[in-house]
Amino acid sequence: MSINIVYNAEVVSGRMAVSEGAPAAKLVRERAAAAVAYAVVALGFYLMSLFLPHFMSGVRIPGLPDPVARLDWLLWAFLFLLAFAFAATAIYDAMRAIDPLFALLSRRFGRAAGPGKRVARDLAYALLAALTAVALAPLTEPLGPAAPLARALLGVGALLVLVLLLYDAAKTIYAYVREKVEETVSKLAR
């Protein structure tokens, strides 16, 4: 038994927007592959943040306070921030890979998800990302003096995911309102 739901994949700002037209299974595979690829890149940057800063140890920038004056710390923070950004993108792509499955379930039960449900889903994902960041914050305590930085990076990662999800929700709202305005204008023009 094969399920043939079709989506159109439209690239918007380097990301895929979903509508009716390309096979759902293909879209799920592409998004899952993107999530895995971003996770691998994030892992690579994280591993680099563990090893490369040691080559800069002892090099200091005069006139700056610790830890900013240490080049090893700056390189570590830069690489770790890159790893966090790619990890946030991987999580976002993994969440978006689930969308065609939700569409399939909603069609199976007789109703496609409208813009309101898509916005609600994005807001629920955003809340989940924020709650996850709050739940993970106490796990940074064993890091000792690096705990405040780890919490800050955790916050930045959560903020990146929130911005991506809220952007998607805003884009959906804008498209819906624009469609309704154009319908109203065309009715008034008759």
N, C-alpha and C. Protein backbone atom coordinates (compact mmCIF):
# COMPACT_ATOMS: atom_id res chain seq x y z
N MET A 1 0.85 -1.18 0.00
CA MET A 1 0.00 0.00 0.00
C MET A 1 0.89 1.24 0.00
N SER A 2 0.71 2.09 -0.97
CA SER A 2 1.52 3.31 -1.00
C SER A 2 0.61 4.51 -0.83
N ILE A 3 1.15 5.48 -0.16
CA ILE A 3 0.40 6.70 0.10
C ILE A 3 1.00 7.76 -0.80
N ASN A 4 0.16 8.42 -1.54
CA ASN A 4 0.67 9.36 -2.52
C ASN A 4 0.13 10.76 -2.25
N ILE A 5 0.67 11.41 -1.26
CA ILE A 5 0.35 12.81 -1.02
C ILE A 5 1.42 13.61 -1.73
N VAL A 6 1.02 14.66 -2.36
CA VAL A 6 1.95 15.40 -3.19
C VAL A 6 2.09 16.82 -2.66
N TYR A 7 3.33 17.32 -2.67
CA TYR A 7 3.64 18.68 -2.22
C TYR A 7 4.46 19.39 -3.28
N ASN A 8 4.33 20.70 -3.33
CA ASN A 8 5.24 21.52 -4.13
C ASN A 8 6.29 22.02 -3.17
N ALA A 9 7.53 21.78 -3.47
CA ALA A 9 8.61 22.30 -2.63
C ALA A 9 9.10 23.57 -3.27
N GLU A 10 8.95 24.67 -2.57
CA GLU A 10 9.36 25.97 -3.07
C GLU A 10 10.46 26.47 -2.15
N VAL A 11 11.57 26.88 -2.72
CA VAL A 11 12.68 27.34 -1.90
C VAL A 11 12.47 28.81 -1.59
N VAL A 12 12.42 29.11 -0.29
CA VAL A 12 12.27 30.48 0.18
C VAL A 12 13.43 30.75 1.11
N SER A 13 14.29 31.67 0.76
CA SER A 13 15.45 32.02 1.57
C SER A 13 16.30 30.80 1.90
N GLY A 14 16.49 29.91 0.94
CA GLY A 14 17.33 28.75 1.16
C GLY A 14 16.64 27.63 1.94
N ARG A 15 15.40 27.80 2.31
CA ARG A 15 14.65 26.80 3.06
C ARG A 15 13.47 26.36 2.21
N MET A 16 12.97 25.15 2.46
CA MET A 16 11.85 24.66 1.67
C MET A 16 10.53 25.08 2.30
N ALA A 17 9.64 25.61 1.47
CA ALA A 17 8.28 25.89 1.90
C ALA A 17 7.41 24.81 1.27
N VAL A 18 6.42 24.34 1.99
CA VAL A 18 5.65 23.19 1.53
C VAL A 18 4.26 23.63 1.09
N SER A 19 3.83 23.11 -0.04
CA SER A 19 2.46 23.25 -0.49
C SER A 19 2.15 22.03 -1.35
N GLU A 20 1.00 22.00 -2.00
CA GLU A 20 0.62 20.83 -2.78
C GLU A 20 1.53 20.65 -4.00
N GLY A 21 2.06 19.42 -4.34
CA GLY A 21 2.79 19.13 -5.58
C GLY A 21 3.90 18.07 -5.62
N ALA A 22 4.97 18.00 -4.76
CA ALA A 22 6.04 16.99 -4.78
C ALA A 22 5.72 15.87 -3.79
N PRO A 23 6.15 14.64 -4.05
CA PRO A 23 5.80 13.52 -3.15
C PRO A 23 6.24 13.78 -1.70
N ALA A 24 5.35 13.47 -0.78
CA ALA A 24 5.61 13.73 0.64
C ALA A 24 6.81 12.91 1.13
N ALA A 25 6.91 11.67 0.67
CA ALA A 25 8.03 10.83 1.11
C ALA A 25 9.36 11.44 0.70
N LYS A 26 9.42 12.00 -0.50
CA LYS A 26 10.64 12.64 -0.98
C LYS A 26 10.97 13.86 -0.12
N LEU A 27 9.95 14.62 0.20
CA LEU A 27 10.15 15.82 1.03
C LEU A 27 10.64 15.44 2.42
N VAL A 28 10.07 14.40 3.01
CA VAL A 28 10.51 13.94 4.34
C VAL A 28 11.96 13.48 4.27
N ARG A 29 12.31 12.72 3.21
CA ARG A 29 13.69 12.26 3.06
C ARG A 29 14.66 13.44 2.92
N GLU A 30 14.28 14.44 2.11
CA GLU A 30 15.16 15.59 1.91
C GLU A 30 15.36 16.37 3.21
N ARG A 31 14.27 16.59 3.93
CA ARG A 31 14.38 17.34 5.19
C ARG A 31 15.14 16.56 6.25
N ALA A 32 14.90 15.26 6.31
CA ALA A 32 15.62 14.43 7.27
C ALA A 32 17.11 14.39 6.93
N ALA A 33 17.42 14.30 5.62
CA ALA A 33 18.82 14.31 5.19
C ALA A 33 19.47 15.65 5.54
N ALA A 34 18.73 16.74 5.36
CA ALA A 34 19.27 18.06 5.71
C ALA A 34 19.52 18.14 7.21
N ALA A 35 18.60 17.61 8.01
CA ALA A 35 18.77 17.63 9.46
C ALA A 35 20.01 16.84 9.86
N VAL A 36 20.20 15.67 9.26
CA VAL A 36 21.37 14.85 9.57
C VAL A 36 22.64 15.56 9.13
N ALA A 37 22.62 16.18 7.95
CA ALA A 37 23.81 16.88 7.46
C ALA A 37 24.17 18.04 8.38
N TYR A 38 23.18 18.82 8.79
CA TYR A 38 23.46 19.92 9.72
C TYR A 38 23.95 19.41 11.07
N ALA A 39 23.42 18.28 11.52
CA ALA A 39 23.88 17.71 12.78
C ALA A 39 25.33 17.26 12.68
N VAL A 40 25.71 16.69 11.53
CA VAL A 40 27.10 16.26 11.33
C VAL A 40 28.02 17.48 11.31
N VAL A 41 27.60 18.55 10.63
CA VAL A 41 28.40 19.78 10.60
C VAL A 41 28.53 20.35 12.01
N ALA A 42 27.42 20.35 12.77
CA ALA A 42 27.46 20.84 14.15
C ALA A 42 28.43 20.01 14.98
N LEU A 43 28.38 18.71 14.83
CA LEU A 43 29.30 17.84 15.56
C LEU A 43 30.75 18.13 15.17
N GLY A 44 30.99 18.36 13.89
CA GLY A 44 32.34 18.70 13.43
C GLY A 44 32.87 19.98 14.07
N PHE A 45 32.03 21.01 14.10
CA PHE A 45 32.45 22.26 14.73
C PHE A 45 32.64 22.09 16.24
N TYR A 46 31.79 21.27 16.85
CA TYR A 46 31.93 21.02 18.29
C TYR A 46 33.26 20.32 18.57
N LEU A 47 33.58 19.30 17.76
CA LEU A 47 34.85 18.59 17.95
C LEU A 47 36.04 19.51 17.71
N MET A 48 35.92 20.39 16.72
CA MET A 48 36.99 21.37 16.48
C MET A 48 37.13 22.30 17.68
N SER A 49 36.00 22.64 18.33
CA SER A 49 36.07 23.52 19.49
C SER A 49 36.77 22.85 20.67
N LEU A 50 36.81 21.54 20.67
CA LEU A 50 37.49 20.82 21.74
C LEU A 50 39.00 20.73 21.52
N PHE A 51 39.43 20.66 20.24
CA PHE A 51 40.84 20.40 19.96
C PHE A 51 41.63 21.61 19.46
N LEU A 52 41.07 22.41 18.58
CA LEU A 52 41.82 23.52 17.98
C LEU A 52 42.24 24.62 18.95
N PRO A 53 41.44 24.99 19.94
CA PRO A 53 41.86 26.08 20.83
C PRO A 53 43.16 25.80 21.59
N HIS A 54 43.50 24.55 21.79
CA HIS A 54 44.74 24.23 22.51
C HIS A 54 45.97 24.72 21.77
N PHE A 55 45.88 24.86 20.45
CA PHE A 55 47.01 25.36 19.67
C PHE A 55 47.22 26.86 19.87
N MET A 56 46.24 27.55 20.45
CA MET A 56 46.34 28.98 20.68
C MET A 56 46.58 29.31 22.16
N SER A 57 46.72 28.30 22.99
CA SER A 57 46.85 28.56 24.43
C SER A 57 48.11 29.39 24.70
N GLY A 58 47.94 30.31 25.61
CA GLY A 58 49.05 31.18 25.99
C GLY A 58 49.11 32.47 25.19
N VAL A 59 48.40 32.56 24.08
CA VAL A 59 48.38 33.78 23.28
C VAL A 59 47.30 34.69 23.83
N ARG A 60 47.69 35.92 24.17
CA ARG A 60 46.75 36.86 24.79
C ARG A 60 46.72 38.16 24.00
N ILE A 61 45.57 38.80 24.02
CA ILE A 61 45.43 40.13 23.44
C ILE A 61 45.60 41.12 24.57
N PRO A 62 46.58 42.01 24.49
CA PRO A 62 46.83 42.94 25.60
C PRO A 62 45.70 43.95 25.76
N GLY A 63 45.42 44.28 27.01
CA GLY A 63 44.44 45.30 27.33
C GLY A 63 43.02 44.82 27.48
N LEU A 64 42.75 43.54 27.24
CA LEU A 64 41.40 43.02 27.38
C LEU A 64 41.32 42.14 28.63
N PRO A 65 40.14 42.11 29.25
CA PRO A 65 39.98 41.28 30.46
C PRO A 65 39.86 39.79 30.09
N ASP A 66 40.12 38.94 31.07
CA ASP A 66 39.92 37.50 30.89
C ASP A 66 38.43 37.22 30.81
N PRO A 67 37.96 36.29 30.13
CA PRO A 67 38.61 35.34 29.23
C PRO A 67 38.72 35.88 27.80
N VAL A 68 38.19 37.08 27.52
CA VAL A 68 38.18 37.62 26.17
C VAL A 68 39.58 37.84 25.63
N ALA A 69 40.55 38.08 26.50
CA ALA A 69 41.92 38.35 26.07
C ALA A 69 42.62 37.09 25.57
N ARG A 70 42.12 35.92 25.92
CA ARG A 70 42.77 34.67 25.52
C ARG A 70 42.27 34.23 24.15
N LEU A 71 43.17 34.05 23.21
CA LEU A 71 42.78 33.62 21.86
C LEU A 71 42.24 32.21 21.86
N ASP A 72 42.70 31.36 22.76
CA ASP A 72 42.15 30.00 22.80
C ASP A 72 40.67 30.03 23.19
N TRP A 73 40.33 30.90 24.13
CA TRP A 73 38.93 31.02 24.54
C TRP A 73 38.09 31.61 23.41
N LEU A 74 38.60 32.63 22.73
CA LEU A 74 37.87 33.24 21.62
C LEU A 74 37.61 32.22 20.50
N LEU A 75 38.63 31.43 20.17
CA LEU A 75 38.45 30.41 19.13
C LEU A 75 37.45 29.36 19.58
N TRP A 76 37.54 28.95 20.85
CA TRP A 76 36.58 27.98 21.38
C TRP A 76 35.16 28.53 21.30
N ALA A 77 34.96 29.78 21.75
CA ALA A 77 33.62 30.37 21.74
C ALA A 77 33.08 30.49 20.31
N PHE A 78 33.93 30.89 19.38
CA PHE A 78 33.51 31.02 17.98
C PHE A 78 33.08 29.67 17.41
N LEU A 79 33.90 28.66 17.58
CA LEU A 79 33.58 27.33 17.04
C LEU A 79 32.36 26.72 17.73
N PHE A 80 32.25 26.94 19.04
CA PHE A 80 31.11 26.40 19.77
C PHE A 80 29.82 27.10 19.34
N LEU A 81 29.88 28.39 19.10
CA LEU A 81 28.71 29.13 18.63
C LEU A 81 28.29 28.64 17.24
N LEU A 82 29.26 28.39 16.37
CA LEU A 82 28.94 27.82 15.06
C LEU A 82 28.28 26.44 15.21
N ALA A 83 28.82 25.62 16.08
CA ALA A 83 28.23 24.30 16.32
C ALA A 83 26.80 24.43 16.82
N PHE A 84 26.58 25.39 17.70
CA PHE A 84 25.24 25.59 18.23
C PHE A 84 24.27 26.06 17.16
N ALA A 85 24.73 26.96 16.29
CA ALA A 85 23.87 27.45 15.21
C ALA A 85 23.48 26.32 14.26
N PHE A 86 24.44 25.47 13.90
CA PHE A 86 24.13 24.35 13.01
C PHE A 86 23.26 23.31 13.72
N ALA A 87 23.45 23.12 15.00
CA ALA A 87 22.59 22.19 15.75
C ALA A 87 21.16 22.71 15.80
N ALA A 88 20.99 24.01 15.99
CA ALA A 88 19.64 24.60 16.00
C ALA A 88 18.98 24.42 14.64
N THR A 89 19.74 24.59 13.57
CA THR A 89 19.19 24.40 12.22
C THR A 89 18.83 22.93 12.01
N ALA A 90 19.63 22.02 12.52
CA ALA A 90 19.33 20.59 12.39
C ALA A 90 18.03 20.25 13.12
N ILE A 91 17.86 20.81 14.31
CA ILE A 91 16.63 20.56 15.06
C ILE A 91 15.43 21.13 14.33
N TYR A 92 15.58 22.33 13.77
CA TYR A 92 14.49 22.95 13.02
C TYR A 92 14.12 22.10 11.81
N ASP A 93 15.13 21.63 11.06
CA ASP A 93 14.84 20.80 9.89
C ASP A 93 14.21 19.47 10.30
N ALA A 94 14.63 18.92 11.42
CA ALA A 94 14.01 17.67 11.89
C ALA A 94 12.55 17.89 12.24
N MET A 95 12.26 19.02 12.87
CA MET A 95 10.86 19.32 13.19
C MET A 95 10.04 19.52 11.92
N ARG A 96 10.64 20.18 10.91
CA ARG A 96 9.93 20.44 9.66
C ARG A 96 9.76 19.15 8.84
N ALA A 97 10.57 18.15 9.07
CA ALA A 97 10.42 16.88 8.36
C ALA A 97 9.13 16.18 8.79
N ILE A 98 8.64 16.54 9.94
CA ILE A 98 7.42 15.92 10.46
C ILE A 98 6.18 16.50 9.80
N ASP A 99 6.27 17.71 9.23
CA ASP A 99 5.11 18.39 8.66
C ASP A 99 4.32 17.55 7.65
N PRO A 100 4.97 16.93 6.65
CA PRO A 100 4.18 16.12 5.71
C PRO A 100 3.48 14.95 6.39
N LEU A 101 4.06 14.43 7.47
CA LEU A 101 3.39 13.35 8.19
C LEU A 101 2.13 13.87 8.88
N PHE A 102 2.20 15.09 9.43
CA PHE A 102 1.01 15.69 10.03
C PHE A 102 -0.05 15.95 8.96
N ALA A 103 0.40 16.40 7.78
CA ALA A 103 -0.54 16.63 6.67
C ALA A 103 -1.21 15.32 6.26
N LEU A 104 -0.43 14.25 6.22
CA LEU A 104 -0.97 12.94 5.88
C LEU A 104 -2.04 12.52 6.88
N LEU A 105 -1.73 12.66 8.17
CA LEU A 105 -2.72 12.28 9.19
C LEU A 105 -3.97 13.14 9.11
N SER A 106 -3.79 14.44 8.90
CA SER A 106 -4.97 15.30 8.84
C SER A 106 -5.81 14.99 7.61
N ARG A 107 -5.17 14.63 6.48
CA ARG A 107 -5.93 14.24 5.29
C ARG A 107 -6.61 12.89 5.50
N ARG A 108 -5.96 11.99 6.21
CA ARG A 108 -6.56 10.68 6.50
C ARG A 108 -7.84 10.84 7.31
N PHE A 109 -7.84 11.84 8.19
CA PHE A 109 -9.02 12.08 9.01
C PHE A 109 -9.94 13.11 8.38
N GLY A 110 -9.68 13.44 7.10
CA GLY A 110 -10.63 14.23 6.35
C GLY A 110 -10.41 15.73 6.34
N ARG A 111 -9.34 16.24 6.90
CA ARG A 111 -9.19 17.68 6.91
C ARG A 111 -7.72 18.06 6.82
N ALA A 112 -7.41 18.95 5.89
CA ALA A 112 -6.04 19.44 5.75
C ALA A 112 -5.81 20.55 6.76
N ALA A 113 -4.57 20.69 7.20
CA ALA A 113 -4.24 21.73 8.17
C ALA A 113 -4.29 23.09 7.49
N GLY A 114 -5.04 23.99 8.08
CA GLY A 114 -5.14 25.35 7.54
C GLY A 114 -4.04 26.22 8.12
N PRO A 115 -4.04 27.48 7.73
CA PRO A 115 -2.99 28.38 8.21
C PRO A 115 -3.00 28.54 9.73
N GLY A 116 -4.18 28.52 10.32
CA GLY A 116 -4.27 28.64 11.78
C GLY A 116 -3.59 27.49 12.49
N LYS A 117 -3.79 26.28 11.98
CA LYS A 117 -3.15 25.11 12.59
C LYS A 117 -1.64 25.14 12.37
N ARG A 118 -1.21 25.61 11.20
CA ARG A 118 0.23 25.69 10.95
C ARG A 118 0.90 26.71 11.87
N VAL A 119 0.23 27.84 12.07
CA VAL A 119 0.78 28.86 12.98
C VAL A 119 0.79 28.32 14.40
N ALA A 120 -0.28 27.64 14.80
CA ALA A 120 -0.34 27.06 16.15
C ALA A 120 0.76 26.02 16.33
N ARG A 121 1.02 25.23 15.30
CA ARG A 121 2.09 24.23 15.38
C ARG A 121 3.46 24.90 15.54
N ASP A 122 3.70 25.96 14.76
CA ASP A 122 4.97 26.67 14.88
C ASP A 122 5.13 27.29 16.26
N LEU A 123 4.05 27.84 16.79
CA LEU A 123 4.12 28.43 18.13
C LEU A 123 4.34 27.35 19.19
N ALA A 124 3.73 26.17 19.00
CA ALA A 124 3.95 25.07 19.94
C ALA A 124 5.41 24.60 19.88
N TYR A 125 5.97 24.52 18.67
CA TYR A 125 7.39 24.16 18.53
C TYR A 125 8.27 25.21 19.21
N ALA A 126 7.92 26.49 19.05
CA ALA A 126 8.71 27.56 19.66
C ALA A 126 8.66 27.44 21.19
N LEU A 127 7.48 27.16 21.72
CA LEU A 127 7.36 26.97 23.17
C LEU A 127 8.17 25.76 23.62
N LEU A 128 8.14 24.69 22.84
CA LEU A 128 8.93 23.50 23.17
C LEU A 128 10.42 23.82 23.16
N ALA A 129 10.87 24.60 22.20
CA ALA A 129 12.29 24.99 22.14
C ALA A 129 12.67 25.81 23.37
N ALA A 130 11.81 26.75 23.76
CA ALA A 130 12.11 27.58 24.93
C ALA A 130 12.13 26.74 26.20
N LEU A 131 11.16 25.85 26.34
CA LEU A 131 11.12 25.00 27.54
C LEU A 131 12.30 24.04 27.58
N THR A 132 12.73 23.56 26.43
CA THR A 132 13.91 22.69 26.38
C THR A 132 15.15 23.44 26.85
N ALA A 133 15.30 24.69 26.39
CA ALA A 133 16.44 25.50 26.83
C ALA A 133 16.41 25.73 28.34
N VAL A 134 15.22 25.99 28.87
CA VAL A 134 15.09 26.20 30.32
C VAL A 134 15.43 24.92 31.07
N ALA A 135 14.98 23.78 30.54
CA ALA A 135 15.25 22.50 31.20
C ALA A 135 16.73 22.12 31.14
N LEU A 136 17.41 22.51 30.07
CA LEU A 136 18.82 22.15 29.92
C LEU A 136 19.76 23.09 30.68
N ALA A 137 19.28 24.27 31.05
CA ALA A 137 20.14 25.26 31.72
C ALA A 137 20.77 24.71 33.00
N PRO A 138 20.05 24.01 33.88
CA PRO A 138 20.71 23.49 35.10
C PRO A 138 21.80 22.45 34.80
N LEU A 139 21.76 21.83 33.64
CA LEU A 139 22.78 20.84 33.30
C LEU A 139 24.14 21.48 33.01
N THR A 140 24.18 22.81 32.91
CA THR A 140 25.45 23.50 32.65
C THR A 140 26.23 23.76 33.95
N GLU A 141 25.62 23.59 35.10
CA GLU A 141 26.27 23.87 36.38
C GLU A 141 27.57 23.09 36.60
N PRO A 142 27.66 21.82 36.22
CA PRO A 142 28.93 21.09 36.43
C PRO A 142 30.10 21.65 35.63
N LEU A 143 29.84 22.57 34.70
CA LEU A 143 30.92 23.12 33.90
C LEU A 143 31.75 24.15 34.66
N GLY A 144 31.35 24.49 35.87
CA GLY A 144 32.11 25.41 36.71
C GLY A 144 32.13 26.81 36.16
N PRO A 145 33.34 27.37 35.96
CA PRO A 145 33.41 28.76 35.50
C PRO A 145 32.88 28.96 34.08
N ALA A 146 32.77 27.90 33.31
CA ALA A 146 32.24 28.02 31.95
C ALA A 146 30.71 27.93 31.92
N ALA A 147 30.08 27.71 33.07
CA ALA A 147 28.62 27.55 33.12
C ALA A 147 27.87 28.77 32.59
N PRO A 148 28.25 29.99 32.97
CA PRO A 148 27.51 31.15 32.43
C PRO A 148 27.61 31.24 30.90
N LEU A 149 28.78 30.94 30.36
CA LEU A 149 28.93 30.96 28.91
C LEU A 149 28.10 29.86 28.26
N ALA A 150 28.09 28.68 28.85
CA ALA A 150 27.30 27.57 28.30
C ALA A 150 25.82 27.92 28.33
N ARG A 151 25.36 28.56 29.42
CA ARG A 151 23.96 28.98 29.48
C ARG A 151 23.67 30.04 28.42
N ALA A 152 24.62 30.94 28.21
CA ALA A 152 24.43 31.97 27.18
C ALA A 152 24.34 31.33 25.80
N LEU A 153 25.20 30.37 25.52
CA LEU A 153 25.16 29.69 24.23
C LEU A 153 23.88 28.87 24.07
N LEU A 154 23.43 28.29 25.15
CA LEU A 154 22.16 27.57 25.13
C LEU A 154 21.03 28.54 24.80
N GLY A 155 21.07 29.71 25.40
CA GLY A 155 20.07 30.74 25.12
C GLY A 155 20.12 31.21 23.68
N VAL A 156 21.33 31.37 23.14
CA VAL A 156 21.48 31.80 21.75
C VAL A 156 20.92 30.73 20.81
N GLY A 157 21.21 29.47 21.10
CA GLY A 157 20.67 28.38 20.28
C GLY A 157 19.15 28.35 20.31
N ALA A 158 18.58 28.50 21.50
CA ALA A 158 17.12 28.53 21.62
C ALA A 158 16.56 29.73 20.88
N LEU A 159 17.26 30.85 20.97
CA LEU A 159 16.82 32.05 20.26
C LEU A 159 16.83 31.84 18.75
N LEU A 160 17.86 31.16 18.24
CA LEU A 160 17.91 30.87 16.80
C LEU A 160 16.72 30.02 16.37
N VAL A 161 16.42 28.99 17.14
CA VAL A 161 15.28 28.14 16.81
C VAL A 161 13.98 28.94 16.90
N LEU A 162 13.85 29.76 17.95
CA LEU A 162 12.65 30.59 18.09
C LEU A 162 12.49 31.54 16.91
N VAL A 163 13.56 32.18 16.50
CA VAL A 163 13.49 33.13 15.38
C VAL A 163 13.06 32.40 14.11
N LEU A 164 13.64 31.22 13.84
CA LEU A 164 13.25 30.47 12.64
C LEU A 164 11.77 30.08 12.68
N LEU A 165 11.31 29.61 13.82
CA LEU A 165 9.91 29.19 13.93
C LEU A 165 8.95 30.38 13.88
N LEU A 166 9.30 31.46 14.54
CA LEU A 166 8.43 32.63 14.51
C LEU A 166 8.42 33.27 13.13
N TYR A 167 9.55 33.21 12.42
CA TYR A 167 9.58 33.69 11.04
C TYR A 167 8.63 32.87 10.18
N ASP A 168 8.65 31.56 10.35
CA ASP A 168 7.77 30.70 9.57
C ASP A 168 6.30 31.01 9.89
N ALA A 169 5.98 31.22 11.17
CA ALA A 169 4.62 31.57 11.55
C ALA A 169 4.21 32.91 10.94
N ALA A 170 5.10 33.89 11.00
CA ALA A 170 4.80 35.20 10.43
C ALA A 170 4.60 35.12 8.92
N LYS A 171 5.40 34.30 8.26
CA LYS A 171 5.28 34.11 6.81
C LYS A 171 3.92 33.49 6.48
N THR A 172 3.47 32.54 7.27
CA THR A 172 2.17 31.91 7.05
C THR A 172 1.04 32.90 7.25
N ILE A 173 1.14 33.70 8.32
CA ILE A 173 0.11 34.71 8.59
C ILE A 173 0.07 35.72 7.45
N TYR A 174 1.24 36.18 7.02
CA TYR A 174 1.31 37.16 5.94
C TYR A 174 0.67 36.61 4.66
N ALA A 175 0.99 35.37 4.29
CA ALA A 175 0.44 34.77 3.08
C ALA A 175 -1.08 34.65 3.18
N TYR A 176 -1.59 34.26 4.33
CA TYR A 176 -3.04 34.12 4.52
C TYR A 176 -3.73 35.47 4.42
N VAL A 177 -3.21 36.47 5.12
CA VAL A 177 -3.83 37.80 5.09
C VAL A 177 -3.76 38.38 3.68
N ARG A 178 -2.62 38.21 3.01
CA ARG A 178 -2.48 38.73 1.65
C ARG A 178 -3.49 38.08 0.72
N GLU A 179 -3.67 36.77 0.85
CA GLU A 179 -4.65 36.06 0.02
C GLU A 179 -6.05 36.60 0.25
N LYS A 180 -6.42 36.81 1.51
CA LYS A 180 -7.75 37.32 1.83
C LYS A 180 -7.94 38.75 1.32
N VAL A 181 -6.91 39.57 1.42
CA VAL A 181 -7.00 40.94 0.92
C VAL A 181 -7.17 40.94 -0.59
N GLU A 182 -6.41 40.10 -1.29
CA GLU A 182 -6.53 40.03 -2.75
C GLU A 182 -7.90 39.52 -3.17
N GLU A 183 -8.47 38.56 -2.42
CA GLU A 183 -9.82 38.08 -2.72
C GLU A 183 -10.83 39.20 -2.54
N THR A 184 -10.69 39.95 -1.45
CA THR A 184 -11.61 41.05 -1.18
C THR A 184 -11.50 42.13 -2.24
N VAL A 185 -10.28 42.46 -2.64
CA VAL A 185 -10.09 43.47 -3.68
C VAL A 185 -10.69 43.02 -5.00
N SER A 186 -10.50 41.75 -5.35
CA SER A 186 -11.06 41.25 -6.61
C SER A 186 -12.59 41.25 -6.56
N LYS A 187 -13.19 40.97 -5.40
CA LYS A 187 -14.65 41.02 -5.28
C LYS A 187 -15.15 42.45 -5.39
N LEU A 188 -14.42 43.38 -4.78
CA LEU A 188 -14.83 44.78 -4.84
C LEU A 188 -14.64 45.36 -6.24
N ALA A 189 -13.68 44.83 -6.98
CA ALA A 189 -13.41 45.34 -8.32
C ALA A 189 -14.47 44.91 -9.34
N ARG A 190 -15.27 43.92 -9.02
CA ARG A 190 -16.31 43.42 -9.95
C ARG A 190 -17.42 44.36 -10.07
